[in-house]
C-alpha atoms as a PDB file:
ATOM      1  CA  UNK A   1      25.584 -10.334 -98.234  1.00  0.00           C
ATOM      2  CA  UNK A   2      24.993  -9.134 -94.447  1.00  0.00           C
ATOM      3  CA  UNK A   3      26.854  -6.020 -95.140  1.00  0.00           C
ATOM      4  CA  UNK A   4      24.230  -4.752 -97.587  1.00  0.00           C
ATOM      5  CA  UNK A   5      21.815  -6.080 -95.298  1.00  0.00           C
ATOM      6  CA  UNK A   6      23.163  -3.799 -92.656  1.00  0.00           C
ATOM      7  CA  UNK A   7      23.975  -0.703 -95.239  1.00  0.00           C
ATOM      8  CA  UNK A   8      20.036  -1.266 -96.318  1.00  0.00           C
ATOM      9  CA  UNK A   9      18.477  -0.452 -92.567  1.00  0.00           C
ATOM     10  CA  UNK A  10      18.883   2.551 -90.728  1.00  0.00           C
ATOM     11  CA  UNK A  11      22.001   4.579 -90.547  1.00  0.00           C
ATOM     12  CA  UNK A  12      24.074   3.789 -87.824  1.00  0.00           C
ATOM     13  CA  UNK A  13      27.204   5.344 -86.117  1.00  0.00           C
ATOM     14  CA  UNK A  14      29.881   3.330 -86.255  1.00  0.00           C
ATOM     15  CA  UNK A  15      30.732   2.639 -82.892  1.00  0.00           C
ATOM     16  CA  UNK A  16      26.641   1.286 -82.649  1.00  0.00           C
ATOM     17  CA  UNK A  17      27.446  -1.031 -85.121  1.00  0.00           C
ATOM     18  CA  UNK A  18      30.582  -1.935 -84.049  1.00  0.00           C
ATOM     19  CA  UNK A  19      29.177  -2.224 -80.332  1.00  0.00           C
ATOM     20  CA  UNK A  20      26.371  -4.761 -82.073  1.00  0.00           C
ATOM     21  CA  UNK A  21      28.837  -6.799 -83.709  1.00  0.00           C
ATOM     22  CA  UNK A  22      30.617  -7.170 -80.424  1.00  0.00           C
ATOM     23  CA  UNK A  23      27.388  -8.076 -78.600  1.00  0.00           C
ATOM     24  CA  UNK A  24      26.846 -10.804 -81.144  1.00  0.00           C
ATOM     25  CA  UNK A  25      30.185 -12.280 -80.813  1.00  0.00           C
ATOM     26  CA  UNK A  26      29.935 -12.565 -77.361  1.00  0.00           C
ATOM     27  CA  UNK A  27      26.525 -14.132 -77.496  1.00  0.00           C
ATOM     28  CA  UNK A  28      27.852 -16.388 -80.114  1.00  0.00           C
ATOM     29  CA  UNK A  29      31.140 -17.644 -77.545  1.00  0.00           C
ATOM     30  CA  UNK A  30      28.714 -17.914 -74.843  1.00  0.00           C
ATOM     31  CA  UNK A  31      26.339 -20.284 -76.315  1.00  0.00           C
ATOM     32  CA  UNK A  32      29.519 -22.276 -78.288  1.00  0.00           C
ATOM     33  CA  UNK A  33      31.525 -22.290 -74.619  1.00  0.00           C
ATOM     34  CA  UNK A  34      27.809 -23.924 -72.788  1.00  0.00           C
ATOM     35  CA  UNK A  35      26.415 -25.468 -76.094  1.00  0.00           C
ATOM     36  CA  UNK A  36      26.180 -28.837 -74.028  1.00  0.00           C
ATOM     37  CA  UNK A  37      24.741 -27.028 -71.085  1.00  0.00           C
ATOM     38  CA  UNK A  38      22.134 -25.012 -73.887  1.00  0.00           C
ATOM     39  CA  UNK A  39      21.673 -27.778 -76.491  1.00  0.00           C
ATOM     40  CA  UNK A  40      19.826 -31.239 -76.268  1.00  0.00           C
ATOM     41  CA  UNK A  41      22.603 -34.139 -76.166  1.00  0.00           C
ATOM     42  CA  UNK A  42      21.784 -36.147 -79.079  1.00  0.00           C
ATOM     43  CA  UNK A  43      23.415 -32.902 -80.967  1.00  0.00           C
ATOM     44  CA  UNK A  44      26.754 -33.896 -80.061  1.00  0.00           C
ATOM     45  CA  UNK A  45      25.924 -37.942 -79.723  1.00  0.00           C
ATOM     46  CA  UNK A  46      26.492 -38.131 -83.779  1.00  0.00           C
ATOM     47  CA  UNK A  47      29.883 -35.529 -84.235  1.00  0.00           C
ATOM     48  CA  UNK A  48      31.463 -37.032 -81.341  1.00  0.00           C
ATOM     49  CA  UNK A  49      31.151 -40.947 -83.150  1.00  0.00           C
ATOM     50  CA  UNK A  50      32.438 -39.239 -86.328  1.00  0.00           C
ATOM     51  CA  UNK A  51      35.333 -37.438 -84.698  1.00  0.00           C
ATOM     52  CA  UNK A  52      36.363 -40.811 -83.285  1.00  0.00           C
ATOM     53  CA  UNK A  53      36.374 -42.574 -86.540  1.00  0.00           C
ATOM     54  CA  UNK A  54      38.278 -40.064 -88.676  1.00  0.00           C
ATOM     55  CA  UNK A  55      41.007 -39.451 -85.363  1.00  0.00           C
ATOM     56  CA  UNK A  56      41.532 -43.749 -85.844  1.00  0.00           C
ATOM     57  CA  UNK A  57      39.641 -44.758 -83.386  1.00  0.00           C
ATOM     58  CA  UNK A  58      38.144 -48.433 -83.766  1.00  0.00           C
ATOM     59  CA  UNK A  59      34.919 -47.822 -81.798  1.00  0.00           C
ATOM     60  CA  UNK A  60      32.507 -47.760 -84.570  1.00  0.00           C
ATOM     61  CA  UNK A  61      34.189 -50.253 -87.011  1.00  0.00           C
ATOM     62  CA  UNK A  62      31.727 -51.645 -89.145  1.00  0.00           C
ATOM     63  CA  UNK A  63      29.262 -48.950 -88.624  1.00  0.00           C
ATOM     64  CA  UNK A  64      27.659 -46.559 -90.912  1.00  0.00           C
ATOM     65  CA  UNK A  65      30.123 -43.868 -89.861  1.00  0.00           C
ATOM     66  CA  UNK A  66      33.228 -45.910 -90.316  1.00  0.00           C
ATOM     67  CA  UNK A  67      31.516 -47.017 -94.181  1.00  0.00           C
ATOM     68  CA  UNK A  68      30.948 -43.796 -94.972  1.00  0.00           C
ATOM     69  CA  UNK A  69      34.773 -42.161 -93.955  1.00  0.00           C
ATOM     70  CA  UNK A  70      36.174 -45.736 -95.874  1.00  0.00           C
ATOM     71  CA  UNK A  71      34.097 -44.629 -98.803  1.00  0.00           C
ATOM     72  CA  UNK A  72      34.975 -41.297 -99.493  1.00  0.00           C
ATOM     73  CA  UNK A  73      38.637 -41.725 -98.724  1.00  0.00           C
ATOM     74  CA  UNK A  74      38.798 -44.754-101.094  1.00  0.00           C
ATOM     75  CA  UNK A  75      36.947 -42.639-103.749  1.00  0.00           C
ATOM     76  CA  UNK A  76      39.158 -40.201-105.327  1.00  0.00           C
ATOM     77  CA  UNK A  77      38.918 -38.879-108.490  1.00  0.00           C
ATOM     78  CA  UNK A  78      39.315 -42.003-110.328  1.00  0.00           C
ATOM     79  CA  UNK A  79      36.681 -43.778-107.987  1.00  0.00           C
ATOM     80  CA  UNK A  80      34.136 -41.475-108.678  1.00  0.00           C
ATOM     81  CA  UNK A  81      34.007 -42.360-112.754  1.00  0.00           C
ATOM     82  CA  UNK A  82      33.891 -46.088-111.228  1.00  0.00           C
ATOM     83  CA  UNK A  83      31.194 -44.880-108.601  1.00  0.00           C
ATOM     84  CA  UNK A  84      28.360 -43.988-112.116  1.00  0.00           C
ATOM     85  CA  UNK A  85      29.476 -47.212-113.798  1.00  0.00           C
ATOM     86  CA  UNK A  86      28.113 -49.419-110.982  1.00  0.00           C
ATOM     87  CA  UNK A  87      25.480 -52.064-111.228  1.00  0.00           C
ATOM     88  CA  UNK A  88      21.982 -51.018-110.342  1.00  0.00           C
ATOM     89  CA  UNK A  89      21.687 -53.196-107.017  1.00  0.00           C
ATOM     90  CA  UNK A  90      25.290 -51.317-105.763  1.00  0.00           C
ATOM     91  CA  UNK A  91      22.553 -48.086-105.214  1.00  0.00           C
ATOM     92  CA  UNK A  92      20.356 -50.010-103.058  1.00  0.00           C
ATOM     93  CA  UNK A  93      23.372 -51.413-101.145  1.00  0.00           C
ATOM     94  CA  UNK A  94      24.828 -47.915-100.264  1.00  0.00           C
ATOM     95  CA  UNK A  95      21.222 -46.438 -99.862  1.00  0.00           C
ATOM     96  CA  UNK A  96      19.423 -48.717 -97.720  1.00  0.00           C
ATOM     97  CA  UNK A  97      22.099 -48.159 -94.570  1.00  0.00           C
ATOM     98  CA  UNK A  98      21.147 -44.867 -94.628  1.00  0.00           C
ATOM     99  CA  UNK A  99      17.152 -46.058 -94.877  1.00  0.00           C
ATOM    100  CA  UNK A 100      17.439 -48.341 -91.914  1.00  0.00           C
ATOM    101  CA  UNK A 101      19.531 -45.800 -89.822  1.00  0.00           C
ATOM    102  CA  UNK A 102      16.550 -42.973 -90.454  1.00  0.00           C
ATOM    103  CA  UNK A 103      14.096 -45.857 -89.485  1.00  0.00           C
ATOM    104  CA  UNK A 104      16.160 -46.012 -85.936  1.00  0.00           C
ATOM    105  CA  UNK A 105      16.134 -42.333 -85.831  1.00  0.00           C
ATOM    106  CA  UNK A 106      12.408 -41.897 -86.551  1.00  0.00           C
ATOM    107  CA  UNK A 107      11.228 -44.816 -84.696  1.00  0.00           C
ATOM    108  CA  UNK A 108      13.487 -46.069 -82.285  1.00  0.00           C
ATOM    109  CA  UNK A 109      15.473 -43.297 -81.237  1.00  0.00           C
ATOM    110  CA  UNK A 110      14.742 -41.009 -77.653  1.00  0.00           C
ATOM    111  CA  UNK A 111      15.892 -38.395 -79.440  1.00  0.00           C
ATOM    112  CA  UNK A 112      15.132 -38.213 -83.318  1.00  0.00           C
ATOM    113  CA  UNK A 113      16.882 -35.804 -85.572  1.00  0.00           C
ATOM    114  CA  UNK A 114      15.722 -33.046 -87.786  1.00  0.00           C
ATOM    115  CA  UNK A 115      17.757 -33.945 -90.557  1.00  0.00           C
ATOM    116  CA  UNK A 116      16.502 -37.565 -90.782  1.00  0.00           C
ATOM    117  CA  UNK A 117      14.154 -37.989 -93.906  1.00  0.00           C
ATOM    118  CA  UNK A 118      13.266 -40.686 -96.182  1.00  0.00           C
ATOM    119  CA  UNK A 119      14.688 -40.659-100.031  1.00  0.00           C
ATOM    120  CA  UNK A 120      11.914 -39.656-102.546  1.00  0.00           C
ATOM    121  CA  UNK A 121      13.226 -42.307-105.086  1.00  0.00           C
ATOM    122  CA  UNK A 122      13.539 -45.857-104.845  1.00  0.00           C
ATOM    123  CA  UNK A 123      17.728 -46.590-104.450  1.00  0.00           C
ATOM    124  CA  UNK A 124      17.754 -48.662-107.532  1.00  0.00           C
ATOM    125  CA  UNK A 125      19.869 -46.927-109.987  1.00  0.00           C
ATOM    126  CA  UNK A 126      22.513 -43.792-110.685  1.00  0.00           C
ATOM    127  CA  UNK A 127      19.298 -41.674-111.730  1.00  0.00           C
ATOM    128  CA  UNK A 128      17.893 -42.237-108.420  1.00  0.00           C
ATOM    129  CA  UNK A 129      20.979 -42.247-106.432  1.00  0.00           C
ATOM    130  CA  UNK A 130      21.447 -38.325-108.053  1.00  0.00           C
ATOM    131  CA  UNK A 131      17.942 -37.615-107.501  1.00  0.00           C
ATOM    132  CA  UNK A 132      18.106 -38.675-103.925  1.00  0.00           C
ATOM    133  CA  UNK A 133      21.069 -36.542-103.542  1.00  0.00           C
ATOM    134  CA  UNK A 134      20.013 -33.616-105.381  1.00  0.00           C
ATOM    135  CA  UNK A 135      16.758 -33.609-103.328  1.00  0.00           C
ATOM    136  CA  UNK A 136      19.162 -34.123 -99.918  1.00  0.00           C
ATOM    137  CA  UNK A 137      20.847 -31.027-101.213  1.00  0.00           C
ATOM    138  CA  UNK A 138      17.620 -28.779-101.378  1.00  0.00           C
ATOM    139  CA  UNK A 139      16.497 -30.328 -98.148  1.00  0.00           C
ATOM    140  CA  UNK A 140      19.516 -29.601 -95.740  1.00  0.00           C
ATOM    141  CA  UNK A 141      20.037 -26.231 -97.582  1.00  0.00           C
ATOM    142  CA  UNK A 142      16.525 -25.098 -97.344  1.00  0.00           C
ATOM    143  CA  UNK A 143      15.382 -25.976 -94.272  1.00  0.00           C
ATOM    144  CA  UNK A 144      12.484 -23.493 -94.165  1.00  0.00           C
ATOM    145  CA  UNK A 145      10.704 -24.798 -97.258  1.00  0.00           C
ATOM    146  CA  UNK A 146      10.398 -28.669 -95.374  1.00  0.00           C
ATOM    147  CA  UNK A 147       9.679 -27.364 -92.022  1.00  0.00           C
ATOM    148  CA  UNK A 148       7.911 -23.663 -91.747  1.00  0.00           C
ATOM    149  CA  UNK A 149       8.003 -22.995 -88.170  1.00  0.00           C
ATOM    150  CA  UNK A 150      10.311 -21.337 -85.965  1.00  0.00           C
ATOM    151  CA  UNK A 151      12.920 -24.107 -85.804  1.00  0.00           C
ATOM    152  CA  UNK A 152      12.958 -24.323 -90.150  1.00  0.00           C
ATOM    153  CA  UNK A 153      13.602 -20.343 -89.708  1.00  0.00           C
ATOM    154  CA  UNK A 154      16.260 -20.734 -87.170  1.00  0.00           C
ATOM    155  CA  UNK A 155      18.396 -23.127 -89.472  1.00  0.00           C
ATOM    156  CA  UNK A 156      17.752 -21.287 -92.897  1.00  0.00           C
ATOM    157  CA  UNK A 157      19.175 -18.236 -91.085  1.00  0.00           C
ATOM    158  CA  UNK A 158      21.913 -20.298 -89.610  1.00  0.00           C
ATOM    159  CA  UNK A 159      22.644 -21.899 -93.340  1.00  0.00           C
ATOM    160  CA  UNK A 160      22.416 -18.467 -94.851  1.00  0.00           C
ATOM    161  CA  UNK A 161      24.772 -17.306 -92.378  1.00  0.00           C
ATOM    162  CA  UNK A 162      27.379 -20.177 -93.260  1.00  0.00           C
ATOM    163  CA  UNK A 163      26.910 -19.574 -96.789  1.00  0.00           C
ATOM    164  CA  UNK A 164      27.383 -15.865 -96.593  1.00  0.00           C
ATOM    165  CA  UNK A 165      30.861 -16.358 -94.672  1.00  0.00           C
ATOM    166  CA  UNK A 166      31.666 -18.804 -97.205  1.00  0.00           C
ATOM    167  CA  UNK A 167      30.749 -17.075-100.343  1.00  0.00           C
ATOM    168  CA  UNK A 168      32.135 -13.651 -99.114  1.00  0.00           C
ATOM    169  CA  UNK A 169      34.306 -11.446-101.360  1.00  0.00           C
ATOM    170  CA  UNK A 170      37.242 -10.186 -99.875  1.00  0.00           C
ATOM    171  CA  UNK A 171      37.883  -6.370-101.051  1.00  0.00           C
ATOM    172  CA  UNK A 172      41.046  -6.313-103.174  1.00  0.00           C
END
């Protein structure tokens, strides 16, 4: 994808393209190395909690971070089939915690979060659960549709960069 984009622009010498790529790589390394200085603190808060739980820590036992990790670990292949057959009340229980977290992030947290949003459908059935999940996929992977501002465009560029790297075809 990026190769096609670069090839469609003006012809640049290989040396100039390599120099531009090296500068961008150094810029990325610089931002990554100084992320805590350049970016707000709240970006790292949840990531550290999740890393603590993944590493076997017990600091956040009983929290939503712990619950989500245990759910993914317990499901597996057979668990997914059972998950679809759960009674409707179970979906309310699963998504209600997320909605409470969104309430906190939107109203009580001094930092807020760009990725906090309400589910469009009530969490009362598997169909609504799947609909909310699909909405989340669109909302998180196409942020420019919901935030038509410079931050939305920057997030979209970042998502495109990640997807391009993940789906890049390696020549054989």
